[in-house]
C-alpha atoms as a PDB file:
ATOM      1  CA  MET A   1      18.320   8.405  -3.228  1.00  0.00           C
ATOM      2  CA  ARG A   2      17.698  11.135  -0.638  1.00  0.00           C
ATOM      3  CA  PHE A   3      19.644  14.251   0.732  1.00  0.00           C
ATOM      4  CA  VAL A   4      21.142  14.794   4.019  1.00  0.00           C
ATOM      5  CA  SER A   5      21.255  18.143   3.198  1.00  0.00           C
ATOM      6  CA  PRO A   6      18.842  19.247   0.511  1.00  0.00           C
ATOM      7  CA  HIS A   7      18.922  22.782   1.190  1.00  0.00           C
ATOM      8  CA  ALA A   8      22.195  22.568  -0.636  1.00  0.00           C
ATOM      9  CA  LEU A   9      21.117  22.192  -3.335  1.00  0.00           C
ATOM     10  CA  TRP A  10      20.340  25.383  -3.854  1.00  0.00           C
ATOM     11  CA  LEU A  11      23.978  26.072  -4.854  1.00  0.00           C
ATOM     12  CA  LEU A  12      22.837  24.364  -8.276  1.00  0.00           C
ATOM     13  CA  LEU A  13      21.687  27.455  -8.988  1.00  0.00           C
ATOM     14  CA  SER A  14      25.032  28.833  -9.550  1.00  0.00           C
ATOM     15  CA  VAL A  15      25.787  26.085 -12.270  1.00  0.00           C
ATOM     16  CA  PRO A  16      23.897  28.066 -14.672  1.00  0.00           C
ATOM     17  CA  ALA A  17      24.917  31.487 -13.527  1.00  0.00           C
ATOM     18  CA  ALA A  18      28.702  30.201 -14.271  1.00  0.00           C
ATOM     19  CA  VAL A  19      27.554  29.261 -17.596  1.00  0.00           C
ATOM     20  CA  ILE A  20      26.253  32.637 -18.404  1.00  0.00           C
ATOM     21  CA  ALA A  21      29.468  34.304 -16.816  1.00  0.00           C
ATOM     22  CA  TYR A  22      31.408  32.289 -19.513  1.00  0.00           C
ATOM     23  CA  GLY A  23      29.246  33.176 -21.877  1.00  0.00           C
ATOM     24  CA  VAL A  24      29.144  36.875 -21.571  1.00  0.00           C
ATOM     25  CA  TYR A  25      33.179  36.422 -20.757  1.00  0.00           C
ATOM     26  CA  PHE A  26      33.837  34.829 -24.617  1.00  0.00           C
ATOM     27  CA  GLY A  27      31.894  37.745 -26.244  1.00  0.00           C
ATOM     28  CA  VAL A  28      33.277  40.338 -24.737  1.00  0.00           C
ATOM     29  CA  ARG A  29      36.899  38.293 -25.410  1.00  0.00           C
ATOM     30  CA  ARG A  30      35.972  38.451 -29.254  1.00  0.00           C
ATOM     31  CA  ARG A  31      34.242  41.835 -29.737  1.00  0.00           C
ATOM     32  CA  ARG A  32      37.448  43.092 -27.658  1.00  0.00           C
ATOM     33  CA  LEU A  33      39.575  40.895 -30.673  1.00  0.00           C
ATOM     34  CA  ALA A  34      37.686  42.519 -33.305  1.00  0.00           C
ATOM     35  CA  ARG A  35      38.639  46.362 -32.395  1.00  0.00           C
ATOM     36  CA  LEU A  36      42.366  45.544 -32.416  1.00  0.00           C
ATOM     37  CA  GLY A  37      42.634  45.874 -36.108  1.00  0.00           C
ATOM     38  CA  ASP A  38      42.828  44.133 -39.026  1.00  0.00           C
ATOM     39  CA  GLU A  39      40.788  40.325 -39.137  1.00  0.00           C
ATOM     40  CA  ALA A  40      43.448  38.434 -40.117  1.00  0.00           C
ATOM     41  CA  LEU A  41      46.530  40.350 -38.590  1.00  0.00           C
ATOM     42  CA  VAL A  42      44.988  39.354 -35.092  1.00  0.00           C
ATOM     43  CA  ALA A  43      44.347  35.945 -35.877  1.00  0.00           C
ATOM     44  CA  ARG A  44      47.928  35.317 -36.593  1.00  0.00           C
ATOM     45  CA  MET A  45      48.438  37.197 -33.346  1.00  0.00           C
ATOM     46  CA  THR A  46      46.030  34.695 -31.570  1.00  0.00           C
ATOM     47  CA  ALA A  47      46.745  31.503 -33.454  1.00  0.00           C
ATOM     48  CA  GLY A  48      48.893  29.698 -30.538  1.00  0.00           C
ATOM     49  CA  VAL A  49      45.933  30.161 -28.360  1.00  0.00           C
ATOM     50  CA  SER A  50      43.332  26.973 -28.756  1.00  0.00           C
ATOM     51  CA  MET A  51      39.719  28.423 -28.324  1.00  0.00           C
ATOM     52  CA  GLY A  52      39.088  24.800 -27.873  1.00  0.00           C
ATOM     53  CA  ARG A  53      41.143  24.455 -24.555  1.00  0.00           C
ATOM     54  CA  LYS A  54      39.228  27.796 -23.284  1.00  0.00           C
ATOM     55  CA  LEU A  55      36.105  25.967 -23.773  1.00  0.00           C
ATOM     56  CA  VAL A  56      37.224  22.923 -21.670  1.00  0.00           C
ATOM     57  CA  ARG A  57      38.860  24.255 -18.952  1.00  0.00           C
ATOM     58  CA  ALA A  58      35.261  26.144 -18.254  1.00  0.00           C
ATOM     59  CA  ALA A  59      33.514  23.257 -18.957  1.00  0.00           C
ATOM     60  CA  LEU A  60      35.437  21.871 -16.077  1.00  0.00           C
ATOM     61  CA  MET A  61      34.715  24.474 -13.782  1.00  0.00           C
ATOM     62  CA  VAL A  62      31.401  24.702 -13.907  1.00  0.00           C
ATOM     63  CA  ALA A  63      30.841  20.187 -13.619  1.00  0.00           C
ATOM     64  CA  ALA A  64      33.746  21.283 -10.716  1.00  0.00           C
ATOM     65  CA  LEU A  65      30.245  23.548  -9.413  1.00  0.00           C
ATOM     66  CA  ALA A  66      27.957  21.084 -10.170  1.00  0.00           C
ATOM     67  CA  LEU A  67      29.432  18.015  -8.898  1.00  0.00           C
ATOM     68  CA  THR A  68      30.516  20.253  -5.325  1.00  0.00           C
ATOM     69  CA  ALA A  69      26.694  21.089  -4.625  1.00  0.00           C
ATOM     70  CA  LEU A  70      25.401  17.522  -5.127  1.00  0.00           C
ATOM     71  CA  ALA A  71      28.505  16.870  -2.796  1.00  0.00           C
ATOM     72  CA  LEU A  72      27.180  19.206  -0.195  1.00  0.00           C
ATOM     73  CA  ALA A  73      23.677  17.759  -0.137  1.00  0.00           C
ATOM     74  CA  ARG A  74      25.441  14.803   0.636  1.00  0.00           C
ATOM     75  CA  PRO A  75      23.386  12.202  -1.501  1.00  0.00           C
ATOM     76  CA  GLN A  76      22.648   8.765  -0.204  1.00  0.00           C
ATOM     77  CA  PHE A  77      21.355   5.834  -1.826  1.00  0.00           C
ATOM     78  CA  PRO A  78      19.566   2.874   0.323  1.00  0.00           C
ATOM     79  CA  GLY A  79      21.496  -0.312   1.089  1.00  0.00           C
ATOM     80  CA  THR A  80      20.968  -3.228   2.514  1.00  0.00           C
ATOM     81  CA  SER A  81      17.647  -3.429   5.718  1.00  0.00           C
ATOM     82  CA  ARG A  82      18.412  -4.220   9.513  1.00  0.00           C
ATOM     83  CA  PRO A  83      16.352  -5.106  12.212  1.00  0.00           C
ATOM     84  CA  ALA A  84      16.307  -2.480  15.096  1.00  0.00           C
ATOM     85  CA  LYS A  85      16.742  -3.212  18.484  1.00  0.00           C
ATOM     86  CA  GLN A  86      14.276  -1.490  20.455  1.00  0.00           C
ATOM     87  CA  ARG A  87      12.544  -2.353  24.169  1.00  0.00           C
ATOM     88  CA  GLY A  88       8.587  -1.852  24.307  1.00  0.00           C
ATOM     89  CA  LEU A  89       5.948  -3.620  25.424  1.00  0.00           C
ATOM     90  CA  ASP A  90       3.189  -5.662  24.050  1.00  0.00           C
ATOM     91  CA  LEU A  91       0.354  -3.286  23.767  1.00  0.00           C
ATOM     92  CA  VAL A  92      -3.679  -4.058  22.111  1.00  0.00           C
ATOM     93  CA  VAL A  93      -6.133  -1.830  21.863  1.00  0.00           C
ATOM     94  CA  ALA A  94      -9.938  -2.214  22.099  1.00  0.00           C
ATOM     95  CA  LEU A  95     -11.714   0.369  20.851  1.00  0.00           C
ATOM     96  CA  ASP A  96     -15.984   0.659  21.470  1.00  0.00           C
ATOM     97  CA  PHE A  97     -17.757   0.648  17.868  1.00  0.00           C
ATOM     98  CA  SER A  98     -21.168  -0.095  18.994  1.00  0.00           C
ATOM     99  CA  ARG A  99     -23.785   2.499  18.209  1.00  0.00           C
ATOM    100  CA  SER A 100     -23.630   4.369  21.481  1.00  0.00           C
ATOM    101  CA  MET A 101     -20.528   5.557  20.533  1.00  0.00           C
ATOM    102  CA  LEU A 102     -21.647   8.217  18.660  1.00  0.00           C
ATOM    103  CA  ALA A 103     -23.257  10.150  20.983  1.00  0.00           C
ATOM    104  CA  THR A 104     -22.048  13.496  20.747  1.00  0.00           C
ATOM    105  CA  ASP A 105     -21.472  14.312  24.534  1.00  0.00           C
ATOM    106  CA  ILE A 106     -18.248  14.914  23.095  1.00  0.00           C
ATOM    107  CA  TYR A 107     -16.990  16.812  20.516  1.00  0.00           C
ATOM    108  CA  PRO A 108     -17.599  15.679  17.617  1.00  0.00           C
ATOM    109  CA  SER A 109     -19.018  12.724  18.738  1.00  0.00           C
ATOM    110  CA  ARG A 110     -17.136   9.833  21.354  1.00  0.00           C
ATOM    111  CA  LEU A 111     -15.753   7.110  18.869  1.00  0.00           C
ATOM    112  CA  GLU A 112     -14.426   9.443  16.457  1.00  0.00           C
ATOM    113  CA  ARG A 113     -12.606  11.599  19.618  1.00  0.00           C
ATOM    114  CA  SER A 114     -11.616   8.336  20.915  1.00  0.00           C
ATOM    115  CA  LYS A 115      -9.573   7.774  16.895  1.00  0.00           C
ATOM    116  CA  ARG A 116      -8.201  11.480  17.686  1.00  0.00           C
ATOM    117  CA  GLU A 117      -6.643  10.560  21.437  1.00  0.00           C
ATOM    118  CA  LEU A 118      -5.284   7.795  19.967  1.00  0.00           C
ATOM    119  CA  GLY A 119      -3.648   8.590  17.171  1.00  0.00           C
ATOM    120  CA  GLU A 120      -1.799  11.196  19.927  1.00  0.00           C
ATOM    121  CA  LEU A 121      -0.804   8.495  22.326  1.00  0.00           C
ATOM    122  CA  LEU A 122       0.370   6.316  19.006  1.00  0.00           C
ATOM    123  CA  GLY A 123       2.805   9.582  19.091  1.00  0.00           C
ATOM    124  CA  THR A 124       4.170   8.992  22.312  1.00  0.00           C
ATOM    125  CA  LEU A 125       5.333   5.208  21.245  1.00  0.00           C
ATOM    126  CA  ALA A 126       8.156   4.357  20.122  1.00  0.00           C
ATOM    127  CA  ALA A 127       8.894   0.383  19.615  1.00  0.00           C
ATOM    128  CA  ASP A 128       6.078  -1.026  21.379  1.00  0.00           C
ATOM    129  CA  ARG A 129       3.583  -3.570  19.111  1.00  0.00           C
ATOM    130  CA  VAL A 130       0.121  -2.785  19.544  1.00  0.00           C
ATOM    131  CA  GLY A 131      -2.464  -4.861  18.225  1.00  0.00           C
ATOM    132  CA  VAL A 132      -6.172  -3.523  18.241  1.00  0.00           C
ATOM    133  CA  VAL A 133      -9.700  -5.126  18.637  1.00  0.00           C
ATOM    134  CA  ALA A 134     -12.295  -3.175  17.126  1.00  0.00           C
ATOM    135  CA  PHE A 135     -16.001  -4.641  18.636  1.00  0.00           C
ATOM    136  CA  ALA A 136     -19.521  -4.113  19.353  1.00  0.00           C
ATOM    137  CA  GLY A 137     -21.570  -7.619  19.797  1.00  0.00           C
ATOM    138  CA  GLU A 138     -18.762  -9.133  17.852  1.00  0.00           C
ATOM    139  CA  THR A 139     -15.152  -8.384  17.083  1.00  0.00           C
ATOM    140  CA  LEU A 140     -12.788  -7.135  14.495  1.00  0.00           C
ATOM    141  CA  THR A 141      -8.291  -7.524  14.975  1.00  0.00           C
ATOM    142  CA  TYR A 142      -5.527  -6.021  13.082  1.00  0.00           C
ATOM    143  CA  PRO A 143      -2.393  -8.156  14.652  1.00  0.00           C
ATOM    144  CA  PRO A 144       0.096  -5.954  17.131  1.00  0.00           C
ATOM    145  CA  THR A 145       2.457  -4.480  14.573  1.00  0.00           C
ATOM    146  CA  THR A 146       5.090  -1.440  15.258  1.00  0.00           C
ATOM    147  CA  ASP A 147       3.866   0.582  12.284  1.00  0.00           C
ATOM    148  CA  TYR A 148       1.647   2.776  13.793  1.00  0.00           C
ATOM    149  CA  ASP A 149       0.574   3.905  10.529  1.00  0.00           C
ATOM    150  CA  ALA A 150      -0.968   1.029   9.705  1.00  0.00           C
ATOM    151  CA  VAL A 151      -3.101   0.929  13.013  1.00  0.00           C
ATOM    152  CA  LYS A 152      -4.270   4.394  12.258  1.00  0.00           C
ATOM    153  CA  LEU A 153      -5.430   3.308   8.802  1.00  0.00           C
ATOM    154  CA  PHE A 154      -7.711   0.549  10.167  1.00  0.00           C
ATOM    155  CA  TRP A 155      -9.553   2.757  12.021  1.00  0.00           C
ATOM    156  CA  LEU A 156      -9.608   5.395  10.649  1.00  0.00           C
ATOM    157  CA  ASP A 157     -12.850   4.623   8.046  1.00  0.00           C
ATOM    158  CA  LEU A 158     -13.625   2.068  10.632  1.00  0.00           C
ATOM    159  CA  HIS A 159     -17.337   2.887  12.179  1.00  0.00           C
ATOM    160  CA  PRO A 160     -20.348   1.430  13.829  1.00  0.00           C
ATOM    161  CA  TRP A 161     -22.795   0.238  10.461  1.00  0.00           C
ATOM    162  CA  ASP A 162     -19.711  -2.154   8.981  1.00  0.00           C
ATOM    163  CA  MET A 163     -19.625  -4.290  12.450  1.00  0.00           C
ATOM    164  CA  PRO A 164     -20.945  -7.352  11.576  1.00  0.00           C
ATOM    165  CA  VAL A 165     -23.367  -7.455  15.094  1.00  0.00           C
ATOM    166  CA  GLY A 166     -24.878  -4.386  17.392  1.00  0.00           C
ATOM    167  CA  GLY A 167     -23.684  -4.613  21.263  1.00  0.00           C
ATOM    168  CA  THR A 168     -21.444  -4.084  23.205  1.00  0.00           C
ATOM    169  CA  ALA A 169     -19.456  -6.565  23.723  1.00  0.00           C
ATOM    170  CA  ILE A 170     -16.545  -5.748  26.568  1.00  0.00           C
ATOM    171  CA  GLY A 171     -16.021  -9.941  27.483  1.00  0.00           C
ATOM    172  CA  ARG A 172     -15.188 -10.397  23.361  1.00  0.00           C
ATOM    173  CA  ALA A 173     -12.957  -7.707  23.439  1.00  0.00           C
ATOM    174  CA  ILE A 174     -10.812  -8.547  26.710  1.00  0.00           C
ATOM    175  CA  ARG A 175     -10.655 -12.007  25.094  1.00  0.00           C
ATOM    176  CA  ALA A 176      -9.748 -11.148  21.707  1.00  0.00           C
ATOM    177  CA  SER A 177      -6.911  -9.093  23.131  1.00  0.00           C
ATOM    178  CA  LEU A 178      -5.487 -12.065  25.038  1.00  0.00           C
ATOM    179  CA  ASP A 179      -5.833 -13.866  21.608  1.00  0.00           C
ATOM    180  CA  GLN A 180      -3.120 -12.059  20.857  1.00  0.00           C
ATOM    181  CA  LEU A 181      -1.153 -11.139  23.516  1.00  0.00           C
ATOM    182  CA  VAL A 182      -1.064 -14.382  24.211  1.00  0.00           C
ATOM    183  CA  ALA A 183       0.365 -15.281  20.619  1.00  0.00           C
ATOM    184  CA  LEU A 184       3.301 -12.605  21.235  1.00  0.00           C
ATOM    185  CA  ARG A 185       3.875 -14.563  24.423  1.00  0.00           C
ATOM    186  CA  GLN A 186       4.699 -18.110  22.173  1.00  0.00           C
ATOM    187  CA  THR A 187       7.074 -16.048  19.353  1.00  0.00           C
ATOM    188  CA  SER A 188       9.201 -13.793  22.160  1.00  0.00           C
ATOM    189  CA  GLY A 189      10.569 -16.794  23.306  1.00  0.00           C
ATOM    190  CA  ALA A 190      13.308 -15.344  25.843  1.00  0.00           C
ATOM    191  CA  ASN A 191      11.276 -11.830  25.344  1.00  0.00           C
ATOM    192  CA  ALA A 192       8.226 -13.536  26.981  1.00  0.00           C
ATOM    193  CA  THR A 193       8.135 -11.543  30.112  1.00  0.00           C
ATOM    194  CA  ARG A 194       7.434  -8.049  28.620  1.00  0.00           C
ATOM    195  CA  GLY A 195       5.192  -6.099  29.980  1.00  0.00           C
ATOM    196  CA  GLN A 196       1.954  -6.676  28.141  1.00  0.00           C
ATOM    197  CA  ALA A 197      -1.734  -4.835  28.450  1.00  0.00           C
ATOM    198  CA  ILE A 198      -4.977  -3.782  26.815  1.00  0.00           C
ATOM    199  CA  LEU A 199      -6.141   0.181  26.474  1.00  0.00           C
ATOM    200  CA  LEU A 200     -10.111  -0.922  27.267  1.00  0.00           C
ATOM    201  CA  LEU A 201     -12.091   2.699  25.466  1.00  0.00           C
ATOM    202  CA  THR A 202     -15.998   2.305  25.992  1.00  0.00           C
ATOM    203  CA  ASP A 203     -18.727   4.099  27.614  1.00  0.00           C
ATOM    204  CA  GLY A 204     -18.896   0.960  29.466  1.00  0.00           C
ATOM    205  CA  GLU A 205     -22.783  -0.229  29.155  1.00  0.00           C
ATOM    206  CA  ASP A 206     -22.021  -4.267  28.236  1.00  0.00           C
ATOM    207  CA  THR A 207     -25.162  -6.326  26.868  1.00  0.00           C
ATOM    208  CA  ASP A 208     -23.780 -10.256  27.960  1.00  0.00           C
ATOM    209  CA  SER A 209     -20.354 -10.949  27.309  1.00  0.00           C
ATOM    210  CA  GLU A 210     -19.544 -11.025  30.862  1.00  0.00           C
ATOM    211  CA  PRO A 211     -16.706  -8.943  30.886  1.00  0.00           C
ATOM    212  CA  LEU A 212     -15.336  -9.786  34.905  1.00  0.00           C
ATOM    213  CA  ASP A 213     -14.618 -12.838  34.228  1.00  0.00           C
ATOM    214  CA  ALA A 214     -12.948 -12.295  31.055  1.00  0.00           C
ATOM    215  CA  ALA A 215     -11.236  -9.489  33.313  1.00  0.00           C
ATOM    216  CA  ASP A 216     -10.061 -12.320  35.735  1.00  0.00           C
ATOM    217  CA  GLU A 217      -8.947 -13.900  33.336  1.00  0.00           C
ATOM    218  CA  ALA A 218      -6.647 -11.514  32.027  1.00  0.00           C
ATOM    219  CA  SER A 219      -5.389 -11.472  35.469  1.00  0.00           C
ATOM    220  CA  LYS A 220      -4.555 -14.831  35.815  1.00  0.00           C
ATOM    221  CA  LEU A 221      -1.900 -14.273  32.382  1.00  0.00           C
ATOM    222  CA  GLY A 222      -0.578 -10.518  34.255  1.00  0.00           C
ATOM    223  CA  VAL A 223      -2.086  -8.373  31.696  1.00  0.00           C
ATOM    224  CA  LYS A 224      -3.485  -5.313  33.068  1.00  0.00           C
ATOM    225  CA  ILE A 225      -6.320  -3.762  31.427  1.00  0.00           C
ATOM    226  CA  PHE A 226      -6.163   0.164  31.393  1.00  0.00           C
ATOM    227  CA  THR A 227      -9.567   1.352  30.919  1.00  0.00           C
ATOM    228  CA  VAL A 228     -11.023   4.849  29.262  1.00  0.00           C
ATOM    229  CA  GLY A 229     -14.410   5.854  30.608  1.00  0.00           C
ATOM    230  CA  VAL A 230     -15.599   7.375  27.197  1.00  0.00           C
ATOM    231  CA  GLY A 231     -19.012   9.573  27.585  1.00  0.00           C
ATOM    232  CA  SER A 232     -21.388  11.579  30.374  1.00  0.00           C
ATOM    233  CA  ARG A 233     -22.239  10.127  33.768  1.00  0.00           C
ATOM    234  CA  SER A 234     -26.255  12.364  33.129  1.00  0.00           C
ATOM    235  CA  GLY A 235     -26.347  10.227  29.574  1.00  0.00           C
ATOM    236  CA  GLU A 236     -26.893  10.976  25.637  1.00  0.00           C
ATOM    237  CA  LEU A 237     -29.596  10.203  23.123  1.00  0.00           C
ATOM    238  CA  ILE A 238     -27.896   8.378  19.686  1.00  0.00           C
ATOM    239  CA  PRO A 239     -28.262   9.573  16.965  1.00  0.00           C
ATOM    240  CA  GLU A 240     -29.291   7.604  13.385  1.00  0.00           C
ATOM    241  CA  TYR A 241     -27.272   9.012  10.224  1.00  0.00           C
ATOM    242  CA  ASP A 242     -28.306   8.834   7.105  1.00  0.00           C
ATOM    243  CA  GLN A 243     -26.041   7.241   3.912  1.00  0.00           C
ATOM    244  CA  GLN A 244     -24.567  10.770   3.252  1.00  0.00           C
ATOM    245  CA  GLY A 245     -23.666  11.342   7.309  1.00  0.00           C
ATOM    246  CA  LYS A 246     -26.441  13.245   8.068  1.00  0.00           C
ATOM    247  CA  VAL A 247     -28.140  12.625  11.305  1.00  0.00           C
ATOM    248  CA  THR A 248     -31.570  11.825  11.052  1.00  0.00           C
ATOM    249  CA  GLY A 249     -33.132  11.092  14.143  1.00  0.00           C
ATOM    250  CA  TYR A 250     -32.104   9.382  17.109  1.00  0.00           C
ATOM    251  CA  VAL A 251     -32.661   5.596  18.724  1.00  0.00           C
ATOM    252  CA  LYS A 252     -35.751   4.729  20.435  1.00  0.00           C
ATOM    253  CA  ASP A 253     -36.940   1.303  22.161  1.00  0.00           C
ATOM    254  CA  GLY A 254     -39.177  -0.258  20.998  1.00  0.00           C
ATOM    255  CA  GLU A 255     -42.065   1.625  22.707  1.00  0.00           C
ATOM    256  CA  GLY A 256     -40.630   4.404  20.692  1.00  0.00           C
ATOM    257  CA  LYS A 257     -38.922   6.173  23.608  1.00  0.00           C
ATOM    258  CA  TYR A 258     -35.874   7.334  23.144  1.00  0.00           C
ATOM    259  CA  VAL A 259     -32.636   5.048  24.185  1.00  0.00           C
ATOM    260  CA  THR A 260     -30.047   7.431  25.961  1.00  0.00           C
ATOM    261  CA  SER A 261     -26.366   6.172  26.851  1.00  0.00           C
ATOM    262  CA  ARG A 262     -24.326   6.571  29.813  1.00  0.00           C
ATOM    263  CA  LEU A 263     -21.156   5.939  30.787  1.00  0.00           C
ATOM    264  CA  GLY A 264     -21.251   2.138  32.743  1.00  0.00           C
ATOM    265  CA  GLU A 265     -18.760   3.570  35.018  1.00  0.00           C
ATOM    266  CA  SER A 266     -18.863   0.392  37.762  1.00  0.00           C
ATOM    267  CA  THR A 267     -17.890  -1.587  35.145  1.00  0.00           C
ATOM    268  CA  LEU A 268     -15.002  -0.071  34.410  1.00  0.00           C
ATOM    269  CA  VAL A 269     -13.617   0.565  37.615  1.00  0.00           C
ATOM    270  CA  GLU A 270     -14.033  -3.224  38.723  1.00  0.00           C
ATOM    271  CA  ILE A 271     -12.104  -4.680  35.559  1.00  0.00           C
ATOM    272  CA  ALA A 272      -9.262  -1.722  36.291  1.00  0.00           C
ATOM    273  CA  ARG A 273      -9.594  -3.150  39.874  1.00  0.00           C
ATOM    274  CA  ARG A 274      -9.267  -6.829  39.012  1.00  0.00           C
ATOM    275  CA  THR A 275      -6.082  -6.492  36.588  1.00  0.00           C
ATOM    276  CA  GLY A 276      -4.171  -3.993  38.770  1.00  0.00           C
ATOM    277  CA  GLY A 277      -4.497  -1.489  35.890  1.00  0.00           C
ATOM    278  CA  GLU A 278      -6.527   2.416  36.546  1.00  0.00           C
ATOM    279  CA  VAL A 279      -8.927   3.739  35.520  1.00  0.00           C
ATOM    280  CA  PHE A 280      -9.408   7.251  33.415  1.00  0.00           C
ATOM    281  CA  TYR A 281     -12.065   9.223  32.226  1.00  0.00           C
ATOM    282  CA  ALA A 282     -12.881  10.775  28.818  1.00  0.00           C
ATOM    283  CA  ASP A 283     -15.770  14.092  28.590  1.00  0.00           C
ATOM    284  CA  SER A 284     -16.357  16.999  27.062  1.00  0.00           C
ATOM    285  CA  LYS A 285     -14.145  18.563  29.884  1.00  0.00           C
ATOM    286  CA  ARG A 286     -10.843  16.032  29.228  1.00  0.00           C
ATOM    287  CA  PHE A 287     -10.174  13.965  27.443  1.00  0.00           C
ATOM    288  CA  GLY A 288      -5.868  13.350  27.268  1.00  0.00           C
ATOM    289  CA  VAL A 289      -3.250  10.483  26.472  1.00  0.00           C
ATOM    290  CA  GLU A 290      -0.616  11.927  28.720  1.00  0.00           C
ATOM    291  CA  ASP A 291      -2.488   9.798  31.956  1.00  0.00           C
ATOM    292  CA  VAL A 292      -2.065   7.345  29.696  1.00  0.00           C
ATOM    293  CA  ALA A 293       1.036   7.335  28.160  1.00  0.00           C
ATOM    294  CA  HIS A 294       2.300   7.938  32.083  1.00  0.00           C
ATOM    295  CA  ALA A 295       0.954   4.804  33.551  1.00  0.00           C
ATOM    296  CA  LEU A 296       1.799   2.683  30.300  1.00  0.00           C
ATOM    297  CA  ALA A 297       5.440   4.031  30.592  1.00  0.00           C
ATOM    298  CA  GLY A 298       5.828   2.191  34.017  1.00  0.00           C
ATOM    299  CA  LEU A 299       5.196  -1.338  32.579  1.00  0.00           C
ATOM    300  CA  LYS A 300       8.347  -3.396  32.013  1.00  0.00           C
ATOM    301  CA  ARG A 301      10.371  -3.649  28.297  1.00  0.00           C
ATOM    302  CA  THR A 302      12.528  -5.663  26.521  1.00  0.00           C
ATOM    303  CA  GLU A 303      13.957  -5.623  24.241  1.00  0.00           C
ATOM    304  CA  ASN A 304      13.246  -6.528  20.773  1.00  0.00           C
ATOM    305  CA  GLU A 305      13.805  -7.017  17.210  1.00  0.00           C
ATOM    306  CA  GLY A 306      11.916  -3.406  15.973  1.00  0.00           C
ATOM    307  CA  ARG A 307      11.196  -2.713  12.104  1.00  0.00           C
ATOM    308  CA  PRO A 308      13.524  -3.031   9.520  1.00  0.00           C
ATOM    309  CA  VAL A 309      15.952   0.271   8.771  1.00  0.00           C
ATOM    310  CA  PRO A 310      16.994   0.922   6.240  1.00  0.00           C
ATOM    311  CA  GLN A 311      20.803   1.527   5.954  1.00  0.00           C
ATOM    312  CA  TYR A 312      21.897   4.219   3.154  1.00  0.00           C
ATOM    313  CA  ASP A 313      25.594   4.761   1.882  1.00  0.00           C
ATOM    314  CA  GLU A 314      27.040   7.542   1.554  1.00  0.00           C
ATOM    315  CA  MET A 315      28.083   8.842  -2.345  1.00  0.00           C
ATOM    316  CA  PHE A 316      29.451  12.273  -1.477  1.00  0.00           C
ATOM    317  CA  GLN A 317      33.228  11.310  -1.201  1.00  0.00           C
ATOM    318  CA  PRO A 318      33.219   9.861  -5.103  1.00  0.00           C
ATOM    319  CA  LEU A 319      30.954  13.522  -5.894  1.00  0.00           C
ATOM    320  CA  LEU A 320      34.576  14.793  -4.294  1.00  0.00           C
ATOM    321  CA  PHE A 321      37.037  12.752  -5.956  1.00  0.00           C
ATOM    322  CA  ALA A 322      35.428  13.931  -9.225  1.00  0.00           C
ATOM    323  CA  VAL A 323      35.483  17.276  -8.428  1.00  0.00           C
ATOM    324  CA  LEU A 324      39.408  17.252  -7.186  1.00  0.00           C
ATOM    325  CA  LEU A 325      40.285  15.588 -10.988  1.00  0.00           C
ATOM    326  CA  ALA A 326      37.908  18.348 -12.636  1.00  0.00           C
ATOM    327  CA  LEU A 327      40.086  21.135 -10.917  1.00  0.00           C
ATOM    328  CA  CYS A 328      43.016  18.981 -12.032  1.00  0.00           C
ATOM    329  CA  ALA A 329      42.540  18.544 -15.099  1.00  0.00           C
ATOM    330  CA  GLU A 330      41.364  22.551 -15.670  1.00  0.00           C
ATOM    331  CA  VAL A 331      45.042  22.880 -13.765  1.00  0.00           C
ATOM    332  CA  VAL A 332      46.527  20.294 -16.411  1.00  0.00           C
ATOM    333  CA  ILE A 333      44.954  21.941 -19.900  1.00  0.00           C
ATOM    334  CA  GLY A 334      46.763  24.713 -20.895  1.00  0.00           C
ATOM    335  CA  GLU A 335      45.135  27.342 -23.457  1.00  0.00           C
ATOM    336  CA  ARG A 336      48.176  27.272 -25.924  1.00  0.00           C
ATOM    337  CA  ARG A 337      48.097  25.161 -29.436  1.00  0.00           C
ATOM    338  CA  ARG A 338      50.517  22.357 -29.240  1.00  0.00           C
ATOM    339  CA  ARG A 339      53.709  22.999 -31.531  1.00  0.00           C
ATOM    340  CA  GLY A 340      54.397  20.498 -34.465  1.00  0.00           C
ATOM    341  CA  PRO A 341      58.369  19.640 -34.683  1.00  0.00           C
ATOM    342  CA  ALA A 342      60.224  22.368 -36.133  1.00  0.00           C
ATOM    343  CA  VAL A 343      60.889  22.041 -39.514  1.00  0.00           C
ATOM    344  CA  ARG A 344      64.456  23.332 -41.411  1.00  0.00           C
ATOM    345  CA  THR A 345      64.840  25.017 -44.087  1.00  0.00           C
END
């Protein structure tokens, strides 16, 4: 159950106030009657008035007050859920989880900042189906869904040391993303022409996964790839962490020299060019989702069944009917006792 206007529940505070007021009223009435004179005489004078009826009428008024407060709060009970018809597109977010994304040239790190910005981006979407491909040397996937909270939970506690293989395989990430989008096309039926895109966030340093060939495959399928280059062009050291999350040093190569990670811009530019997408940059001075959201807004959206939306049944009508019955009963019930048949002597 939920309340549409929960602030109206504050009116329930008037119920105990009414009970106290009636208690004070009956107490004052009893003391005043006691001051009139002889107790037996007063009892004979008030014998026609029923104290029980007075209490019943007071209880009916208090009940009507409480029911009115509840009715104003508009209680609703969940009914049957129905899938809502919404317009959206298919989007797969490919997020780089290689160790180079731990570089801190973007605060607090390339990876953590990317997660935050993606969370902001999801807040601008409505009915788009979003899947995730987390990649390093291999990929971990989360199927497309409109449950954005579940999408955030997938990458929230995921870190480079959770990936099965190290490295940066951008080509594998693109192909894994295409697998999700092709599967959606096969199940979409009439909506197979809806817009589909891949949002690739990486520092662009691919090792050996042939990302440009994967981009050509995406182009043949009509899938646009929007790339976000994360990191600086000058290069940054890659920190190493212990189990407590503290920096213990920086990554070195086989010769003992420090390894620096710099933005592989040319690869990202070529991927976007071959697929008709756009290139965006994320560095210490700029990292906003407005441009990405604007680019995605230009893609074709078709109607699909979104998440089931629960339907709620209004319950204020029965409450108002109960208020009406209580008030009518309060009026009908008199304070006088019923007299029995007269007996002639």
